PDB file of N, CA and C in Angstrom:
ATOM      1  N   MET A   1       3.092 -11.788   5.493  1.00  0.00           N
ATOM      2  CA  MET A   1       3.487 -11.404   4.527  1.00  0.00           C
ATOM      3  C   MET A   1       3.406  -9.758   4.249  1.00  0.00           C
ATOM      4  N   ASP A   2       3.037  -9.471   5.177  1.00  0.00           N
ATOM      5  CA  ASP A   2       3.286  -7.624   5.021  1.00  0.00           C
ATOM      6  C   ASP A   2       4.653  -6.928   4.975  1.00  0.00           C
ATOM      7  N   ALA A   3       5.522  -7.861   6.110  1.00  0.00           N
ATOM      8  CA  ALA A   3       6.694  -7.642   6.245  1.00  0.00           C
ATOM      9  C   ALA A   3       7.413  -7.532   5.155  1.00  0.00           C
ATOM     10  N   THR A   4       7.179  -8.522   4.183  1.00  0.00           N
ATOM     11  CA  THR A   4       8.276  -9.099   2.997  1.00  0.00           C
ATOM     12  C   THR A   4       7.649  -8.737   1.418  1.00  0.00           C
ATOM     13  N   GLY A   5       6.117  -7.982   1.925  1.00  0.00           N
ATOM     14  CA  GLY A   5       5.501  -7.262   0.925  1.00  0.00           C
ATOM     15  C   GLY A   5       4.636  -8.313   0.081  1.00  0.00           C
ATOM     16  N   ASP A   6       4.851  -9.263   0.260  1.00  0.00           N
ATOM     17  CA  ASP A   6       3.971 -10.360  -0.443  1.00  0.00           C
ATOM     18  C   ASP A   6       2.436  -9.845  -0.573  1.00  0.00           C
ATOM     19  N   SER A   7       1.728  -9.556   0.311  1.00  0.00           N
ATOM     20  CA  SER A   7       0.685  -9.425   0.233  1.00  0.00           C
ATOM     21  C   SER A   7       0.056  -8.032  -0.885  1.00  0.00           C
ATOM     22  N   LYS A   8       1.152  -7.236  -1.102  1.00  0.00           N
ATOM     23  CA  LYS A   8       0.980  -6.091  -2.079  1.00  0.00           C
ATOM     24  C   LYS A   8       0.819  -6.975  -3.426  1.00  0.00           C
ATOM     25  N   VAL A   9       2.219  -7.754  -3.787  1.00  0.00           N
ATOM     26  CA  VAL A   9       2.259  -8.270  -5.016  1.00  0.00           C
ATOM     27  C   VAL A   9       1.209  -9.397  -5.233  1.00  0.00           C
ATOM     28  N   MET A  10       0.828 -10.102  -4.403  1.00  0.00           N
ATOM     29  CA  MET A  10      -0.388 -10.686  -4.589  1.00  0.00           C
ATOM     30  C   MET A  10      -1.707 -10.266  -4.936  1.00  0.00           C
ATOM     31  N   SER A  11      -2.077  -9.066  -4.304  1.00  0.00           N
ATOM     32  CA  SER A  11      -3.109  -8.325  -4.448  1.00  0.00           C
ATOM     33  C   SER A  11      -3.011  -7.766  -5.934  1.00  0.00           C
ATOM     34  N   ASN A  12      -1.910  -7.594  -6.058  1.00  0.00           N
ATOM     35  CA  ASN A  12      -2.103  -6.565  -7.638  1.00  0.00           C
ATOM     36  C   ASN A  12      -2.084  -7.785  -8.616  1.00  0.00           C
ATOM     37  N   ILE A  13      -1.530  -8.805  -8.426  1.00  0.00           N
ATOM     38  CA  ILE A  13      -1.711  -9.839  -9.296  1.00  0.00           C
ATOM     39  C   ILE A  13      -2.837 -10.568  -9.366  1.00  0.00           C
ATOM     40  N   VAL A  14      -3.612 -10.492  -8.407  1.00  0.00           N
ATOM     41  CA  VAL A  14      -5.343 -11.217  -8.122  1.00  0.00           C
ATOM     42  C   VAL A  14      -6.153 -10.367  -8.627  1.00  0.00           C
ATOM     43  N   THR A  15      -6.001  -8.932  -8.397  1.00  0.00           N
ATOM     44  CA  THR A  15      -6.925  -8.224  -8.842  1.00  0.00           C
ATOM     45  C   THR A  15      -7.176  -7.461  -9.714  1.00  0.00           C
ATOM     46  N   SER A  16      -6.001  -7.547 -10.852  1.00  0.00           N
ATOM     47  CA  SER A  16      -5.771  -7.119 -12.214  1.00  0.00           C
ATOM     48  C   SER A  16      -7.204  -7.868 -13.034  1.00  0.00           C
ATOM     49  N   PRO A  17      -7.584  -8.916 -12.948  1.00  0.00           N
ATOM     50  CA  PRO A  17      -8.681  -9.530 -13.584  1.00  0.00           C
ATOM     51  C   PRO A  17     -10.031  -9.139 -13.064  1.00  0.00           C
ATOM     52  N   LEU A  18     -10.006  -8.865 -11.421  1.00  0.00           N
ATOM     53  CA  LEU A  18     -11.071  -8.535 -10.740  1.00  0.00           C
ATOM     54  C   LEU A  18     -11.679  -7.195 -10.945  1.00  0.00           C
ATOM     55  N   LYS A  19     -10.634  -6.536 -11.306  1.00  0.00           N
ATOM     56  CA  LYS A  19     -10.833  -4.752 -11.636  1.00  0.00           C
ATOM     57  C   LYS A  19     -11.841  -4.640 -12.866  1.00  0.00           C
ATOM     58  N   MET A  20     -11.634  -5.545 -13.817  1.00  0.00           N
ATOM     59  CA  MET A  20     -12.659  -5.610 -14.683  1.00  0.00           C
ATOM     60  C   MET A  20     -14.078  -5.774 -14.840  1.00  0.00           C
ATOM     61  N   LEU A  21     -14.477  -6.683 -13.604  1.00  0.00           N
ATOM     62  CA  LEU A  21     -15.892  -6.693 -13.486  1.00  0.00           C
ATOM     63  C   LEU A  21     -16.442  -5.558 -13.074  1.00  0.00           C
ATOM     64  N   LYS A  22     -15.788  -4.354 -12.515  1.00  0.00           N
ATOM     65  CA  LYS A  22     -16.717  -3.080 -12.446  1.00  0.00           C
ATOM     66  C   LYS A  22     -17.969  -3.048 -11.216  1.00  0.00           C
ATOM     67  N   SER A  23     -17.838  -4.454 -10.269  1.00  0.00           N
ATOM     68  CA  SER A  23     -18.779  -4.570  -9.443  1.00  0.00           C
ATOM     69  C   SER A  23     -18.225  -5.108  -8.165  1.00  0.00           C
ATOM     70  N   PRO A  24     -18.054  -4.174  -7.084  1.00  0.00           N
ATOM     71  CA  PRO A  24     -17.170  -4.899  -6.002  1.00  0.00           C
ATOM     72  C   PRO A  24     -18.180  -5.551  -5.130  1.00  0.00           C
ATOM     73  N   TYR A  25     -19.395  -5.309  -5.248  1.00  0.00           N
ATOM     74  CA  TYR A  25     -20.577  -6.854  -4.669  1.00  0.00           C
ATOM     75  C   TYR A  25     -20.401  -7.892  -5.101  1.00  0.00           C
ATOM     76  N   LEU A  26     -19.982  -7.855  -6.619  1.00  0.00           N
ATOM     77  CA  LEU A  26     -19.828  -9.444  -7.096  1.00  0.00           C
ATOM     78  C   LEU A  26     -18.398 -10.020  -6.519  1.00  0.00           C
ATOM     79  N   VAL A  27     -17.453  -8.884  -6.301  1.00  0.00           N
ATOM     80  CA  VAL A  27     -15.983  -9.482  -5.716  1.00  0.00           C
ATOM     81  C   VAL A  27     -16.722 -10.295  -4.347  1.00  0.00           C
ATOM     82  N   VAL A  28     -17.288  -9.298  -3.569  1.00  0.00           N
ATOM     83  CA  VAL A  28     -17.502  -9.893  -2.138  1.00  0.00           C
ATOM     84  C   VAL A  28     -18.569 -11.296  -2.654  1.00  0.00           C
ATOM     85  N   GLY A  29     -19.359 -11.043  -3.125  1.00  0.00           N
ATOM     86  CA  GLY A  29     -20.180 -12.057  -3.321  1.00  0.00           C
ATOM     87  C   GLY A  29     -19.133 -13.449  -3.679  1.00  0.00           C
ATOM     88  N   LEU A  30     -18.543 -13.429  -4.691  1.00  0.00           N
ATOM     89  CA  LEU A  30     -17.403 -14.382  -5.064  1.00  0.00           C
ATOM     90  C   LEU A  30     -16.517 -14.938  -3.883  1.00  0.00           C
ATOM     91  N   SER A  31     -16.156 -13.998  -2.941  1.00  0.00           N
ATOM     92  CA  SER A  31     -15.108 -14.349  -1.791  1.00  0.00           C
ATOM     93  C   SER A  31     -15.947 -15.095  -0.879  1.00  0.00           C
ATOM     94  N   TYR A  32     -17.216 -14.536  -1.055  1.00  0.00           N
ATOM     95  CA  TYR A  32     -17.866 -15.535   0.235  1.00  0.00           C
ATOM     96  C   TYR A  32     -18.496 -16.789  -0.202  1.00  0.00           C
ATOM     97  N   ILE A  33     -18.662 -16.833  -1.399  1.00  0.00           N
ATOM     98  CA  ILE A  33     -18.923 -18.260  -1.780  1.00  0.00           C
ATOM     99  C   ILE A  33     -17.808 -19.381  -1.607  1.00  0.00           C
ATOM    100  N   THR A  34     -16.071 -18.541  -2.432  1.00  0.00           N
ATOM    101  CA  THR A  34     -14.894 -19.031  -1.987  1.00  0.00           C
ATOM    102  C   THR A  34     -14.749 -19.558  -0.578  1.00  0.00           C
ATOM    103  N   GLY A  35     -15.040 -18.921   0.500  1.00  0.00           N
ATOM    104  CA  GLY A  35     -15.018 -19.310   1.602  1.00  0.00           C
ATOM    105  C   GLY A  35     -15.613 -20.233   2.241  1.00  0.00           C
ATOM    106  N   GLN A  36     -17.053 -20.099   1.685  1.00  0.00           N
ATOM    107  CA  GLN A  36     -17.951 -21.294   2.207  1.00  0.00           C
ATOM    108  C   GLN A  36     -17.328 -22.725   1.729  1.00  0.00           C
ATOM    109  N   ILE A  37     -16.957 -22.563   0.328  1.00  0.00           N
ATOM    110  CA  ILE A  37     -16.243 -23.909  -0.236  1.00  0.00           C
ATOM    111  C   ILE A  37     -14.994 -24.304   0.656  1.00  0.00           C
ATOM    112  N   MET A  38     -14.493 -23.451   0.922  1.00  0.00           N
ATOM    113  CA  MET A  38     -12.868 -23.955   1.493  1.00  0.00           C
ATOM    114  C   MET A  38     -13.537 -24.230   2.987  1.00  0.00           C
ATOM    115  N   ASN A  39     -14.124 -23.879   3.563  1.00  0.00           N
ATOM    116  CA  ASN A  39     -14.753 -23.823   4.909  1.00  0.00           C
ATOM    117  C   ASN A  39     -15.314 -25.598   5.122  1.00  0.00           C
ATOM    118  N   VAL A  40     -15.245 -26.097   3.964  1.00  0.00           N
ATOM    119  CA  VAL A  40     -15.657 -27.658   4.342  1.00  0.00           C
ATOM    120  C   VAL A  40     -14.342 -28.390   4.207  1.00  0.00           C
ATOM    121  N   PHE A  41     -13.403 -27.866   3.650  1.00  0.00           N
ATOM    122  CA  PHE A  41     -12.435 -28.731   3.724  1.00  0.00           C
ATOM    123  C   PHE A  41     -11.358 -28.398   4.674  1.00  0.00           C
ATOM    124  N   ILE A  42     -11.221 -27.131   5.644  1.00  0.00           N
ATOM    125  CA  ILE A  42     -10.963 -26.730   6.620  1.00  0.00           C
ATOM    126  C   ILE A  42     -11.512 -26.825   7.750  1.00  0.00           C
ATOM    127  N   PRO A  43     -11.159 -27.567   8.862  1.00  0.00           N
ATOM    128  CA  PRO A  43     -12.134 -27.645   9.737  1.00  0.00           C
ATOM    129  C   PRO A  43     -11.927 -26.765  10.736  1.00  0.00           C
ATOM    130  N   SER A  44     -10.391 -26.270  11.210  1.00  0.00           N
ATOM    131  CA  SER A  44     -10.157 -25.427  12.184  1.00  0.00           C
ATOM    132  C   SER A  44     -10.732 -24.143  11.868  1.00  0.00           C
ATOM    133  N   ALA A  45     -11.171 -23.546  13.116  1.00  0.00           N
ATOM    134  CA  ALA A  45     -11.625 -21.854  12.871  1.00  0.00           C
ATOM    135  C   ALA A  45     -10.802 -21.153  12.777  1.00  0.00           C
ATOM    136  N   ALA A  46      -9.794 -21.389  13.472  1.00  0.00           N
ATOM    137  CA  ALA A  46      -8.610 -20.545  13.728  1.00  0.00           C
ATOM    138  C   ALA A  46      -7.454 -20.439  12.371  1.00  0.00           C
ATOM    139  N   VAL A  47      -7.421 -21.918  12.007  1.00  0.00           N
ATOM    140  CA  VAL A  47      -6.720 -21.491  10.558  1.00  0.00           C
ATOM    141  C   VAL A  47      -7.198 -21.034   9.393  1.00  0.00           C
ATOM    142  N   PHE A  48      -8.633 -21.430   9.266  1.00  0.00           N
ATOM    143  CA  PHE A  48      -9.625 -20.821   8.239  1.00  0.00           C
ATOM    144  C   PHE A  48      -9.518 -19.272   8.358  1.00  0.00           C
ATOM    145  N   GLU A  49      -9.430 -18.966   9.595  1.00  0.00           N
ATOM    146  CA  GLU A  49      -9.502 -17.223   9.457  1.00  0.00           C
ATOM    147  C   GLU A  49      -8.133 -16.714   9.134  1.00  0.00           C
ATOM    148  N   THR A  50      -7.118 -17.374   9.833  1.00  0.00           N
ATOM    149  CA  THR A  50      -5.753 -16.805   9.093  1.00  0.00           C
ATOM    150  C   THR A  50      -5.665 -16.934   7.533  1.00  0.00           C
ATOM    151  N   LEU A  51      -6.106 -18.234   7.135  1.00  0.00           N
ATOM    152  CA  LEU A  51      -5.817 -18.357   6.113  1.00  0.00           C
ATOM    153  C   LEU A  51      -6.853 -17.401   4.869  1.00  0.00           C
ATOM    154  N   LEU A  52      -7.971 -16.790   5.427  1.00  0.00           N
ATOM    155  CA  LEU A  52      -8.556 -15.853   4.602  1.00  0.00           C
ATOM    156  C   LEU A  52      -7.836 -14.566   5.074  1.00  0.00           C
ATOM    157  N   MET A  53      -7.562 -14.078   5.919  1.00  0.00           N
ATOM    158  CA  MET A  53      -7.230 -12.989   6.246  1.00  0.00           C
ATOM    159  C   MET A  53      -6.008 -12.837   5.180  1.00  0.00           C
ATOM    160  N   ALA A  54      -4.856 -13.605   5.347  1.00  0.00           N
ATOM    161  CA  ALA A  54      -3.778 -13.459   4.630  1.00  0.00           C
ATOM    162  C   ALA A  54      -4.144 -13.809   3.254  1.00  0.00           C
ATOM    163  N   THR A  55      -5.238 -14.009   2.664  1.00  0.00           N
ATOM    164  CA  THR A  55      -5.289 -14.318   1.067  1.00  0.00           C
ATOM    165  C   THR A  55      -6.422 -13.154   0.643  1.00  0.00           C
ATOM    166  N   MET A  56      -7.376 -13.276   1.498  1.00  0.00           N
ATOM    167  CA  MET A  56      -8.592 -12.507   0.818  1.00  0.00           C
ATOM    168  C   MET A  56      -8.815 -10.978   1.175  1.00  0.00           C
ATOM    169  N   TYR A  57      -8.269 -10.729   2.594  1.00  0.00           N
ATOM    170  CA  TYR A  57      -8.074  -9.533   2.940  1.00  0.00           C
ATOM    171  C   TYR A  57      -7.485  -8.490   1.828  1.00  0.00           C
ATOM    172  N   PRO A  58      -6.220  -8.564   1.299  1.00  0.00           N
ATOM    173  CA  PRO A  58      -5.580  -7.573   0.832  1.00  0.00           C
ATOM    174  C   PRO A  58      -6.381  -7.285  -1.105  1.00  0.00           C
ATOM    175  N   VAL A  59      -6.820  -8.760  -0.997  1.00  0.00           N
ATOM    176  CA  VAL A  59      -7.622  -8.529  -2.600  1.00  0.00           C
ATOM    177  C   VAL A  59      -8.757  -8.203  -2.175  1.00  0.00           C
ATOM    178  N   LEU A  60      -9.695  -8.177  -1.375  1.00  0.00           N
ATOM    179  CA  LEU A  60     -10.658  -7.283  -0.994  1.00  0.00           C
ATOM    180  C   LEU A  60     -10.668  -5.723  -0.637  1.00  0.00           C
ATOM    181  N   ASN A  61      -9.416  -5.363  -0.330  1.00  0.00           N
ATOM    182  CA  ASN A  61      -8.907  -4.167   0.687  1.00  0.00           C
ATOM    183  C   ASN A  61      -8.440  -3.352  -0.923  1.00  0.00           C
ATOM    184  N   SER A  62      -7.862  -4.147  -2.113  1.00  0.00           N
ATOM    185  CA  SER A  62      -7.506  -3.474  -2.931  1.00  0.00           C
ATOM    186  C   SER A  62      -8.300  -3.204  -4.179  1.00  0.00           C
ATOM    187  N   VAL A  63      -9.864  -4.093  -4.312  1.00  0.00           N
ATOM    188  CA  VAL A  63     -10.686  -4.193  -5.069  1.00  0.00           C
ATOM    189  C   VAL A  63     -11.845  -3.111  -4.545  1.00  0.00           C
ATOM    190  N   VAL A  64     -12.384  -3.349  -3.234  1.00  0.00           N
ATOM    191  CA  VAL A  64     -13.491  -2.741  -2.854  1.00  0.00           C
ATOM    192  C   VAL A  64     -12.634  -1.267  -2.157  1.00  0.00           C
ATOM    193  N   LYS A  65     -12.798  -0.321  -2.472  1.00  0.00           N
ATOM    194  CA  LYS A  65     -12.510   0.775  -1.925  1.00  0.00           C
ATOM    195  C   LYS A  65     -13.553   1.508  -1.239  1.00  0.00           C
ATOM    196  N   LEU A  66     -13.718   1.394   0.165  1.00  0.00           N
ATOM    197  CA  LEU A  66     -14.692   2.334   0.962  1.00  0.00           C
ATOM    198  C   LEU A  66     -14.478   3.622   1.104  1.00  0.00           C
TER     199      LEU A  66
END
């Protein structure tokens, strides 16, 4: 996703409503809850980790600035 720039486009689209929350901890908490719900339906840990890194990491990286 990085080679084609898809992760930047996706993170811009997804984070625009999330930036209105003004609390990065709320975004992290919602990401954790979403991940746990997805974990029920995706049994493979490797596939689940790859899916989370491809989708949630760019979003969290653009919302939560360290």
